[in-house]
C-alpha atoms as a PDB file:
ATOM      1  CA  MET A   1      -4.069  44.417  -9.271  1.00  0.00           C
ATOM      2  CA  PRO A   2      -3.474  40.874  -8.039  1.00  0.00           C
ATOM      3  CA  ARG A   3      -4.441  37.988 -10.288  1.00  0.00           C
ATOM      4  CA  LYS A   4      -7.928  36.563  -9.716  1.00  0.00           C
ATOM      5  CA  PHE A   5      -8.622  32.859  -9.529  1.00  0.00           C
ATOM      6  CA  LYS A   6     -11.746  30.739  -9.767  1.00  0.00           C
ATOM      7  CA  THR A   7     -12.252  28.672  -6.639  1.00  0.00           C
ATOM      8  CA  VAL A   8     -14.515  25.758  -5.763  1.00  0.00           C
ATOM      9  CA  ASP A   9     -16.722  25.154  -2.748  1.00  0.00           C
ATOM     10  CA  TYR A  10     -16.234  21.388  -2.485  1.00  0.00           C
ATOM     11  CA  GLY A  11     -18.768  21.128   0.308  1.00  0.00           C
ATOM     12  CA  MET A  12     -21.475  22.454  -2.003  1.00  0.00           C
ATOM     13  CA  ILE A  13     -20.235  20.341  -4.899  1.00  0.00           C
ATOM     14  CA  LEU A  14     -20.729  17.183  -2.837  1.00  0.00           C
ATOM     15  CA  LYS A  15     -24.362  18.158  -2.263  1.00  0.00           C
ATOM     16  CA  GLN A  16     -25.004  18.982  -5.901  1.00  0.00           C
ATOM     17  CA  THR A  17     -27.497  16.804  -7.776  1.00  0.00           C
ATOM     18  CA  VAL A  18     -26.137  15.492 -11.078  1.00  0.00           C
ATOM     19  CA  SER A  19     -28.316  14.211 -13.900  1.00  0.00           C
ATOM     20  CA  ILE A  20     -26.889  11.121 -15.597  1.00  0.00           C
ATOM     21  CA  GLU A  21     -28.668  12.190 -18.770  1.00  0.00           C
ATOM     22  CA  ASP A  22     -26.605  15.377 -18.815  1.00  0.00           C
ATOM     23  CA  CYS A  23     -23.402  13.364 -18.405  1.00  0.00           C
ATOM     24  CA  LEU A  24     -24.082  10.828 -21.144  1.00  0.00           C
ATOM     25  CA  PRO A  25     -24.812  12.309 -24.586  1.00  0.00           C
ATOM     26  CA  PRO A  26     -27.175  10.333 -26.864  1.00  0.00           C
ATOM     27  CA  SER A  27     -24.234   8.917 -28.825  1.00  0.00           C
ATOM     28  CA  HIS A  28     -22.424   7.606 -25.737  1.00  0.00           C
ATOM     29  CA  LEU A  29     -21.316   3.973 -25.906  1.00  0.00           C
ATOM     30  CA  ALA A  30     -23.039   3.128 -22.613  1.00  0.00           C
ATOM     31  CA  ARG A  31     -26.406   4.178 -24.044  1.00  0.00           C
ATOM     32  CA  PHE A  32     -25.771   2.229 -27.213  1.00  0.00           C
ATOM     33  CA  LEU A  33     -24.903  -0.946 -25.278  1.00  0.00           C
ATOM     34  CA  VAL A  34     -28.031  -0.759 -23.152  1.00  0.00           C
ATOM     35  CA  GLU A  35     -30.176  -0.359 -26.248  1.00  0.00           C
ATOM     36  CA  VAL A  36     -28.477  -3.123 -28.227  1.00  0.00           C
ATOM     37  CA  ILE A  37     -28.427  -5.623 -25.357  1.00  0.00           C
ATOM     38  CA  SER A  38     -32.161  -5.090 -24.842  1.00  0.00           C
ATOM     39  CA  GLN A  39     -32.646  -6.476 -28.359  1.00  0.00           C
ATOM     40  CA  LEU A  40     -30.539  -9.611 -27.864  1.00  0.00           C
ATOM     41  CA  ASP A  41     -31.971 -13.042 -27.203  1.00  0.00           C
ATOM     42  CA  LEU A  42     -30.737 -14.015 -23.738  1.00  0.00           C
ATOM     43  CA  GLY A  43     -33.021 -17.032 -23.434  1.00  0.00           C
ATOM     44  CA  SER A  44     -30.112 -19.489 -23.185  1.00  0.00           C
ATOM     45  CA  ILE A  45     -28.885 -17.621 -20.105  1.00  0.00           C
ATOM     46  CA  TYR A  46     -32.279 -17.108 -18.458  1.00  0.00           C
ATOM     47  CA  ASN A  47     -33.041 -20.817 -18.837  1.00  0.00           C
ATOM     48  CA  GLU A  48     -30.036 -21.667 -16.662  1.00  0.00           C
ATOM     49  CA  TYR A  49     -31.502 -19.865 -13.658  1.00  0.00           C
ATOM     50  CA  GLY A  50     -33.485 -21.975 -11.242  1.00  0.00           C
ATOM     51  CA  ALA A  51     -37.016 -21.088 -10.153  1.00  0.00           C
ATOM     52  CA  LYS A  52     -35.979 -20.831  -6.499  1.00  0.00           C
ATOM     53  CA  GLY A  53     -33.583 -18.443  -4.857  1.00  0.00           C
ATOM     54  CA  GLY A  54     -33.281 -14.771  -4.085  1.00  0.00           C
ATOM     55  CA  ILE A  55     -33.812 -11.904  -6.491  1.00  0.00           C
ATOM     56  CA  ALA A  56     -30.996 -12.108  -9.047  1.00  0.00           C
ATOM     57  CA  ILE A  57     -29.366  -9.331 -11.032  1.00  0.00           C
ATOM     58  CA  ALA A  58     -30.744  -9.414 -14.581  1.00  0.00           C
ATOM     59  CA  PRO A  59     -28.331 -10.904 -17.162  1.00  0.00           C
ATOM     60  CA  GLU A  60     -28.723  -7.778 -19.328  1.00  0.00           C
ATOM     61  CA  ILE A  61     -27.122  -5.689 -16.589  1.00  0.00           C
ATOM     62  CA  LEU A  62     -24.192  -8.027 -15.983  1.00  0.00           C
ATOM     63  CA  LEU A  63     -23.615  -8.484 -19.703  1.00  0.00           C
ATOM     64  CA  GLY A  64     -23.627  -4.720 -20.219  1.00  0.00           C
ATOM     65  CA  LEU A  65     -21.150  -4.165 -17.391  1.00  0.00           C
ATOM     66  CA  LEU A  66     -18.770  -6.805 -18.755  1.00  0.00           C
ATOM     67  CA  ILE A  67     -18.888  -5.589 -22.344  1.00  0.00           C
ATOM     68  CA  TYR A  68     -18.455  -1.950 -21.356  1.00  0.00           C
ATOM     69  CA  GLY A  69     -15.599  -3.041 -19.127  1.00  0.00           C
ATOM     70  CA  TYR A  70     -13.896  -4.807 -22.027  1.00  0.00           C
ATOM     71  CA  ALA A  71     -14.464  -1.822 -24.297  1.00  0.00           C
ATOM     72  CA  THR A  72     -12.856   0.559 -21.798  1.00  0.00           C
ATOM     73  CA  GLY A  73     -10.023  -1.661 -20.567  1.00  0.00           C
ATOM     74  CA  ILE A  74     -11.496  -2.787 -17.246  1.00  0.00           C
ATOM     75  CA  PHE A  75     -11.359  -6.564 -16.812  1.00  0.00           C
ATOM     76  CA  SER A  76     -11.311  -7.260 -13.084  1.00  0.00           C
ATOM     77  CA  SER A  77     -14.726  -7.959 -11.566  1.00  0.00           C
ATOM     78  CA  ARG A  78     -13.622  -6.068  -8.461  1.00  0.00           C
ATOM     79  CA  LYS A  79     -12.829  -2.985 -10.532  1.00  0.00           C
ATOM     80  CA  ILE A  80     -16.157  -3.281 -12.349  1.00  0.00           C
ATOM     81  CA  GLU A  81     -17.959  -3.431  -9.007  1.00  0.00           C
ATOM     82  CA  LEU A  82     -16.084  -0.314  -7.874  1.00  0.00           C
ATOM     83  CA  ALA A  83     -16.898   1.421 -11.161  1.00  0.00           C
ATOM     84  CA  THR A  84     -20.656   1.019 -10.544  1.00  0.00           C
ATOM     85  CA  HIS A  85     -20.102   3.413  -7.640  1.00  0.00           C
ATOM     86  CA  GLU A  86     -17.544   5.792  -9.151  1.00  0.00           C
ATOM     87  CA  SER A  87     -18.113   5.834 -12.924  1.00  0.00           C
ATOM     88  CA  ILE A  88     -21.248   7.398 -14.409  1.00  0.00           C
ATOM     89  CA  PRO A  89     -21.394   5.130 -17.513  1.00  0.00           C
ATOM     90  CA  PHE A  90     -21.043   2.005 -15.355  1.00  0.00           C
ATOM     91  CA  ARG A  91     -23.584   3.392 -12.904  1.00  0.00           C
ATOM     92  CA  TYR A  92     -26.006   4.000 -15.776  1.00  0.00           C
ATOM     93  CA  ILE A  93     -25.601   0.488 -17.188  1.00  0.00           C
ATOM     94  CA  ALA A  94     -26.036  -0.993 -13.702  1.00  0.00           C
ATOM     95  CA  GLY A  95     -29.162   1.100 -13.158  1.00  0.00           C
ATOM     96  CA  ASN A  96     -27.835   2.325  -9.813  1.00  0.00           C
ATOM     97  CA  LEU A  97     -27.441  -1.263  -8.679  1.00  0.00           C
ATOM     98  CA  HIS A  98     -24.044  -2.474  -7.488  1.00  0.00           C
ATOM     99  CA  PRO A  99     -23.492  -6.182  -8.242  1.00  0.00           C
ATOM    100  CA  ASP A 100     -20.650  -7.490  -6.101  1.00  0.00           C
ATOM    101  CA  HIS A 101     -17.523  -8.825  -7.746  1.00  0.00           C
ATOM    102  CA  ASP A 102     -18.383 -12.458  -6.970  1.00  0.00           C
ATOM    103  CA  THR A 103     -21.701 -12.114  -8.818  1.00  0.00           C
ATOM    104  CA  ILE A 104     -19.930 -10.590 -11.827  1.00  0.00           C
ATOM    105  CA  ALA A 105     -17.128 -13.164 -11.827  1.00  0.00           C
ATOM    106  CA  ASN A 106     -19.502 -16.123 -11.430  1.00  0.00           C
ATOM    107  CA  PHE A 107     -21.709 -14.829 -14.245  1.00  0.00           C
ATOM    108  CA  ARG A 108     -18.707 -14.541 -16.537  1.00  0.00           C
ATOM    109  CA  SER A 109     -17.408 -18.027 -15.700  1.00  0.00           C
ATOM    110  CA  ARG A 110     -20.814 -19.710 -15.843  1.00  0.00           C
ATOM    111  CA  PHE A 111     -21.881 -18.243 -19.183  1.00  0.00           C
ATOM    112  CA  LEU A 112     -18.509 -17.843 -20.872  1.00  0.00           C
ATOM    113  CA  GLU A 113     -19.595 -19.603 -24.071  1.00  0.00           C
ATOM    114  CA  GLN A 114     -22.788 -17.549 -24.420  1.00  0.00           C
ATOM    115  CA  LEU A 115     -20.942 -14.352 -23.584  1.00  0.00           C
ATOM    116  CA  GLU A 116     -18.524 -14.880 -26.442  1.00  0.00           C
ATOM    117  CA  GLU A 117     -21.349 -15.113 -28.981  1.00  0.00           C
ATOM    118  CA  LEU A 118     -23.269 -12.163 -27.496  1.00  0.00           C
ATOM    119  CA  PHE A 119     -20.145 -10.038 -27.318  1.00  0.00           C
ATOM    120  CA  VAL A 120     -19.471 -10.634 -31.006  1.00  0.00           C
ATOM    121  CA  GLN A 121     -23.052  -9.665 -31.862  1.00  0.00           C
ATOM    122  CA  VAL A 122     -22.789  -6.418 -29.904  1.00  0.00           C
ATOM    123  CA  LEU A 123     -19.469  -5.519 -31.519  1.00  0.00           C
ATOM    124  CA  GLU A 124     -20.888  -6.229 -34.969  1.00  0.00           C
ATOM    125  CA  MET A 125     -23.778  -3.869 -34.317  1.00  0.00           C
ATOM    126  CA  ALA A 126     -21.412  -1.251 -32.923  1.00  0.00           C
ATOM    127  CA  VAL A 127     -19.168  -1.468 -35.985  1.00  0.00           C
ATOM    128  CA  LEU A 128     -22.049  -1.328 -38.443  1.00  0.00           C
ATOM    129  CA  ALA A 129     -23.626   1.594 -36.608  1.00  0.00           C
ATOM    130  CA  GLY A 130     -20.324   3.453 -36.495  1.00  0.00           C
ATOM    131  CA  VAL A 131     -20.715   3.943 -32.747  1.00  0.00           C
ATOM    132  CA  LEU A 132     -17.569   2.093 -31.698  1.00  0.00           C
ATOM    133  CA  GLN A 133     -14.166   2.290 -33.343  1.00  0.00           C
ATOM    134  CA  VAL A 134     -13.429  -1.328 -32.624  1.00  0.00           C
ATOM    135  CA  GLU A 135      -9.814  -1.183 -33.707  1.00  0.00           C
ATOM    136  CA  ASP A 136      -9.160   1.403 -31.027  1.00  0.00           C
ATOM    137  CA  ILE A 137     -10.025  -0.959 -28.176  1.00  0.00           C
ATOM    138  CA  SER A 138      -6.674  -1.622 -26.573  1.00  0.00           C
ATOM    139  CA  VAL A 139      -5.875  -3.273 -23.276  1.00  0.00           C
ATOM    140  CA  ASP A 140      -2.380  -4.221 -22.174  1.00  0.00           C
ATOM    141  CA  GLY A 141      -1.160  -3.731 -25.727  1.00  0.00           C
ATOM    142  CA  THR A 142      -3.878  -5.948 -27.217  1.00  0.00           C
ATOM    143  CA  LYS A 143      -5.958  -4.390 -29.961  1.00  0.00           C
ATOM    144  CA  ILE A 144      -9.004  -5.568 -31.844  1.00  0.00           C
ATOM    145  CA  HIS A 145      -7.976  -4.974 -35.420  1.00  0.00           C
ATOM    146  CA  ALA A 146     -11.336  -5.177 -37.192  1.00  0.00           C
ATOM    147  CA  ASP A 147     -12.040  -2.223 -39.462  1.00  0.00           C
ATOM    148  CA  ALA A 148     -14.756   0.081 -38.196  1.00  0.00           C
ATOM    149  CA  SER A 149     -17.053   1.067 -41.021  1.00  0.00           C
ATOM    150  CA  LYS A 150     -19.763   3.709 -40.787  1.00  0.00           C
ATOM    151  CA  SER A 151     -21.311   2.337 -43.919  1.00  0.00           C
ATOM    152  CA  LYS A 152     -24.109  -0.186 -43.382  1.00  0.00           C
ATOM    153  CA  ALA A 153     -23.648  -1.485 -46.907  1.00  0.00           C
ATOM    154  CA  VAL A 154     -21.252  -4.246 -45.931  1.00  0.00           C
ATOM    155  CA  SER A 155     -21.153  -7.329 -48.098  1.00  0.00           C
ATOM    156  CA  HIS A 156     -22.103 -10.689 -46.643  1.00  0.00           C
ATOM    157  CA  LYS A 157     -18.588 -12.020 -47.305  1.00  0.00           C
ATOM    158  CA  ARG A 158     -16.951  -9.046 -45.604  1.00  0.00           C
ATOM    159  CA  LEU A 159     -19.331  -9.388 -42.656  1.00  0.00           C
ATOM    160  CA  GLU A 160     -18.423 -13.049 -42.227  1.00  0.00           C
ATOM    161  CA  GLU A 161     -14.703 -12.259 -42.382  1.00  0.00           C
ATOM    162  CA  LYS A 162     -15.191  -9.555 -39.777  1.00  0.00           C
ATOM    163  CA  ARG A 163     -17.216 -11.928 -37.611  1.00  0.00           C
ATOM    164  CA  VAL A 164     -14.456 -14.567 -37.620  1.00  0.00           C
ATOM    165  CA  GLN A 165     -11.857 -11.973 -36.715  1.00  0.00           C
ATOM    166  CA  LEU A 166     -14.027 -10.495 -33.999  1.00  0.00           C
ATOM    167  CA  ARG A 167     -14.711 -13.936 -32.531  1.00  0.00           C
ATOM    168  CA  MET A 168     -10.989 -14.721 -32.271  1.00  0.00           C
ATOM    169  CA  GLU A 169     -10.181 -11.452 -30.562  1.00  0.00           C
ATOM    170  CA  VAL A 170     -13.230 -11.550 -28.285  1.00  0.00           C
ATOM    171  CA  GLU A 171     -12.021 -14.952 -27.108  1.00  0.00           C
ATOM    172  CA  GLU A 172      -8.680 -13.384 -26.180  1.00  0.00           C
ATOM    173  CA  LEU A 173     -10.429 -10.586 -24.303  1.00  0.00           C
ATOM    174  CA  LEU A 174     -12.597 -13.048 -22.375  1.00  0.00           C
ATOM    175  CA  GLN A 175      -9.503 -15.004 -21.388  1.00  0.00           C
ATOM    176  CA  MET A 176      -7.910 -11.780 -20.142  1.00  0.00           C
ATOM    177  CA  GLY A 177     -11.019 -11.174 -18.065  1.00  0.00           C
ATOM    178  CA  GLN A 178     -10.797 -14.639 -16.539  1.00  0.00           C
ATOM    179  CA  GLN A 179      -7.141 -14.062 -15.710  1.00  0.00           C
ATOM    180  CA  ALA A 180      -7.974 -10.730 -14.083  1.00  0.00           C
ATOM    181  CA  ASP A 181     -10.509 -12.460 -11.831  1.00  0.00           C
ATOM    182  CA  ARG A 182      -8.025 -15.168 -10.875  1.00  0.00           C
ATOM    183  CA  ALA A 183      -5.831 -12.364  -9.583  1.00  0.00           C
ATOM    184  CA  LYS A 184      -8.488 -11.529  -7.000  1.00  0.00           C
ATOM    185  CA  VAL A 185      -6.852 -14.068  -4.693  1.00  0.00           C
ATOM    186  CA  LEU A 186      -3.781 -11.860  -4.597  1.00  0.00           C
ATOM    187  CA  GLU A 187      -5.890  -8.719  -4.290  1.00  0.00           C
ATOM    188  CA  SER A 188      -7.691 -10.121  -1.253  1.00  0.00           C
ATOM    189  CA  ILE A 189      -4.510 -10.822   0.733  1.00  0.00           C
ATOM    190  CA  ASP A 190      -4.242  -8.781   3.934  1.00  0.00           C
ATOM    191  CA  ILE A 191      -0.785  -7.371   3.256  1.00  0.00           C
ATOM    192  CA  PRO A 192      -0.055  -5.971   6.762  1.00  0.00           C
ATOM    193  CA  ALA A 193      -1.171  -9.229   8.400  1.00  0.00           C
ATOM    194  CA  GLU A 194       0.868 -11.236   5.919  1.00  0.00           C
ATOM    195  CA  ILE A 195       3.971  -9.142   6.612  1.00  0.00           C
ATOM    196  CA  ASP A 196       3.438  -9.525  10.353  1.00  0.00           C
ATOM    197  CA  ARG A 197       3.072 -13.294   9.979  1.00  0.00           C
ATOM    198  CA  ARG A 198       6.223 -13.557   7.909  1.00  0.00           C
ATOM    199  CA  ASN A 199       8.145 -11.360  10.361  1.00  0.00           C
ATOM    200  CA  LYS A 200       7.091 -13.661  13.184  1.00  0.00           C
ATOM    201  CA  GLN A 201       8.293 -16.628  11.160  1.00  0.00           C
ATOM    202  CA  LEU A 202      11.626 -14.895  10.633  1.00  0.00           C
ATOM    203  CA  ASP A 203      11.844 -14.167  14.364  1.00  0.00           C
ATOM    204  CA  ASN A 204      11.168 -17.822  15.128  1.00  0.00           C
ATOM    205  CA  LEU A 205      13.809 -18.897  12.631  1.00  0.00           C
ATOM    206  CA  ALA A 206      16.297 -16.470  14.155  1.00  0.00           C
ATOM    207  CA  GLU A 207      15.660 -17.923  17.624  1.00  0.00           C
ATOM    208  CA  ALA A 208      16.051 -21.445  16.281  1.00  0.00           C
ATOM    209  CA  GLN A 209      19.317 -20.478  14.596  1.00  0.00           C
ATOM    210  CA  LYS A 210      20.626 -18.997  17.833  1.00  0.00           C
ATOM    211  CA  ALA A 211      19.825 -22.251  19.664  1.00  0.00           C
ATOM    212  CA  LEU A 212      21.545 -24.313  16.983  1.00  0.00           C
ATOM    213  CA  GLN A 213      24.575 -22.039  17.039  1.00  0.00           C
ATOM    214  CA  HIS A 214      24.762 -22.338  20.820  1.00  0.00           C
ATOM    215  CA  ARG A 215      24.676 -26.136  20.586  1.00  0.00           C
ATOM    216  CA  ALA A 216      27.282 -26.068  17.809  1.00  0.00           C
ATOM    217  CA  ARG A 217      29.643 -23.979  19.940  1.00  0.00           C
ATOM    218  CA  GLU A 218      29.163 -26.261  22.944  1.00  0.00           C
ATOM    219  CA  ARG A 219      29.919 -29.285  20.770  1.00  0.00           C
ATOM    220  CA  PHE A 220      32.913 -27.534  19.261  1.00  0.00           C
ATOM    221  CA  GLU A 221      34.308 -26.607  22.679  1.00  0.00           C
ATOM    222  CA  ALA A 222      33.992 -30.233  23.843  1.00  0.00           C
ATOM    223  CA  GLU A 223      35.721 -31.471  20.678  1.00  0.00           C
ATOM    224  CA  GLN A 224      38.354 -28.768  21.023  1.00  0.00           C
ATOM    225  CA  ALA A 225      39.117 -29.914  24.593  1.00  0.00           C
ATOM    226  CA  LYS A 226      39.580 -33.523  23.389  1.00  0.00           C
ATOM    227  CA  TYR A 227      41.726 -32.334  20.493  1.00  0.00           C
ATOM    228  CA  SER A 228      43.932 -30.241  22.815  1.00  0.00           C
ATOM    229  CA  GLU A 229      44.316 -33.216  25.151  1.00  0.00           C
ATOM    230  CA  LYS A 230      45.375 -35.525  22.313  1.00  0.00           C
ATOM    231  CA  MET A 231      47.828 -32.969  20.941  1.00  0.00           C
ATOM    232  CA  ALA A 232      49.326 -32.460  24.401  1.00  0.00           C
ATOM    233  CA  GLU A 233      49.877 -36.235  24.729  1.00  0.00           C
ATOM    234  CA  ARG A 234      51.379 -36.363  21.236  1.00  0.00           C
ATOM    235  CA  ASN A 235      53.797 -33.486  21.923  1.00  0.00           C
ATOM    236  CA  ALA A 236      54.805 -35.040  25.239  1.00  0.00           C
ATOM    237  CA  TYR A 237      55.595 -38.336  23.502  1.00  0.00           C
ATOM    238  CA  ILE A 238      57.726 -36.535  20.898  1.00  0.00           C
ATOM    239  CA  GLU A 239      59.688 -34.711  23.626  1.00  0.00           C
ATOM    240  CA  GLN A 240      60.343 -37.927  25.538  1.00  0.00           C
ATOM    241  CA  THR A 241      61.241 -40.177  22.609  1.00  0.00           C
ATOM    242  CA  GLY A 242      62.332 -37.772  19.916  1.00  0.00           C
ATOM    243  CA  ARG A 243      60.064 -39.639  17.539  1.00  0.00           C
ATOM    244  CA  LYS A 244      56.657 -38.986  16.109  1.00  0.00           C
ATOM    245  CA  PRO A 245      53.977 -41.399  17.293  1.00  0.00           C
ATOM    246  CA  ARG A 246      52.393 -43.760  14.825  1.00  0.00           C
ATOM    247  CA  GLY A 247      49.085 -42.939  13.256  1.00  0.00           C
ATOM    248  CA  ARG A 248      47.641 -39.803  11.793  1.00  0.00           C
ATOM    249  CA  VAL A 249      47.925 -36.419  13.359  1.00  0.00           C
ATOM    250  CA  PRO A 250      44.588 -35.634  15.079  1.00  0.00           C
ATOM    251  CA  ALA A 251      42.453 -33.383  12.938  1.00  0.00           C
ATOM    252  CA  PRO A 252      41.268 -30.145  14.516  1.00  0.00           C
ATOM    253  CA  PRO A 253      37.529 -29.812  15.058  1.00  0.00           C
ATOM    254  CA  PHE A 254      35.394 -27.520  12.935  1.00  0.00           C
ATOM    255  CA  LEU A 255      32.876 -24.996  14.175  1.00  0.00           C
ATOM    256  CA  ARG A 256      29.720 -25.500  12.135  1.00  0.00           C
ATOM    257  CA  LEU A 257      27.436 -22.535  12.584  1.00  0.00           C
ATOM    258  CA  ALA A 258      23.739 -22.895  11.740  1.00  0.00           C
ATOM    259  CA  THR A 259      23.570 -19.954   9.358  1.00  0.00           C
ATOM    260  CA  LYS A 260      22.042 -19.278   5.954  1.00  0.00           C
ATOM    261  CA  THR A 261      25.267 -20.342   4.249  1.00  0.00           C
ATOM    262  CA  ASN A 262      26.155 -23.137   6.702  1.00  0.00           C
ATOM    263  CA  THR A 263      29.477 -21.500   7.528  1.00  0.00           C
ATOM    264  CA  ILE A 264      32.250 -23.928   8.542  1.00  0.00           C
ATOM    265  CA  LEU A 265      35.141 -22.356  10.412  1.00  0.00           C
ATOM    266  CA  PRO A 266      38.262 -24.520  10.879  1.00  0.00           C
ATOM    267  CA  THR A 267      40.433 -23.987  13.919  1.00  0.00           C
ATOM    268  CA  PRO A 268      44.140 -23.442  13.494  1.00  0.00           C
ATOM    269  CA  ASN A 269      46.343 -26.496  13.906  1.00  0.00           C
ATOM    270  CA  ARG A 270      48.367 -25.781  16.990  1.00  0.00           C
ATOM    271  CA  GLY A 271      50.416 -28.946  16.892  1.00  0.00           C
ATOM    272  CA  SER A 272      52.955 -30.257  14.465  1.00  0.00           C
END
């Protein structure tokens, strides 16, 4: 009998309803972050918002997206925005909202100092709760080296040492996030249009070079005619007198081509 295979009806799969609760177990980091962030004091951030303006995305949501991004190696605000569509944990933290990358990047830049302190608090809670193996967070070869302890009986001294270490490494992570957002300028370049523009520039340069080369050849031909005339007079004088005329032998002209290397081609000396 021929081998049997399981197949998939992708049309039906696309119509299937998925429960986020089924996808995120109770111990999932995304759930933990939402719960912990709800207990943080975000008054210093809320106070910076003006009374007027449109409906803003709550700081808890943006903070959760950034911290989960750092914890999973996603720094770029554009990639975080995309993840709110494609990744279930990000979608859960965002509450089915999709903050655009400018909102995320501006939030990070505007509240960078507060974010550092809040990030450290969240990581401390994660370490003490044994939910997050902090030393396993690694992005671009950078690791947070704090020891994850499932024991809540951590001495005050050890907690302070851990806090200092966490603060230093959180600062590095935040800087990496800022750098990732600066790269958005490169990400937003229209590559085909840029190539087309540069090709047109090259075409224009090629035309200009052709014009310069044409002028150079015309100038060379005129100089060559004068040189040939002078050499003919010089040779005639030598034949008539048997002596060389005074003065230097006329130098042959050079053909200077307008090329990338500024090629200079000397002409052969046809006289003696």
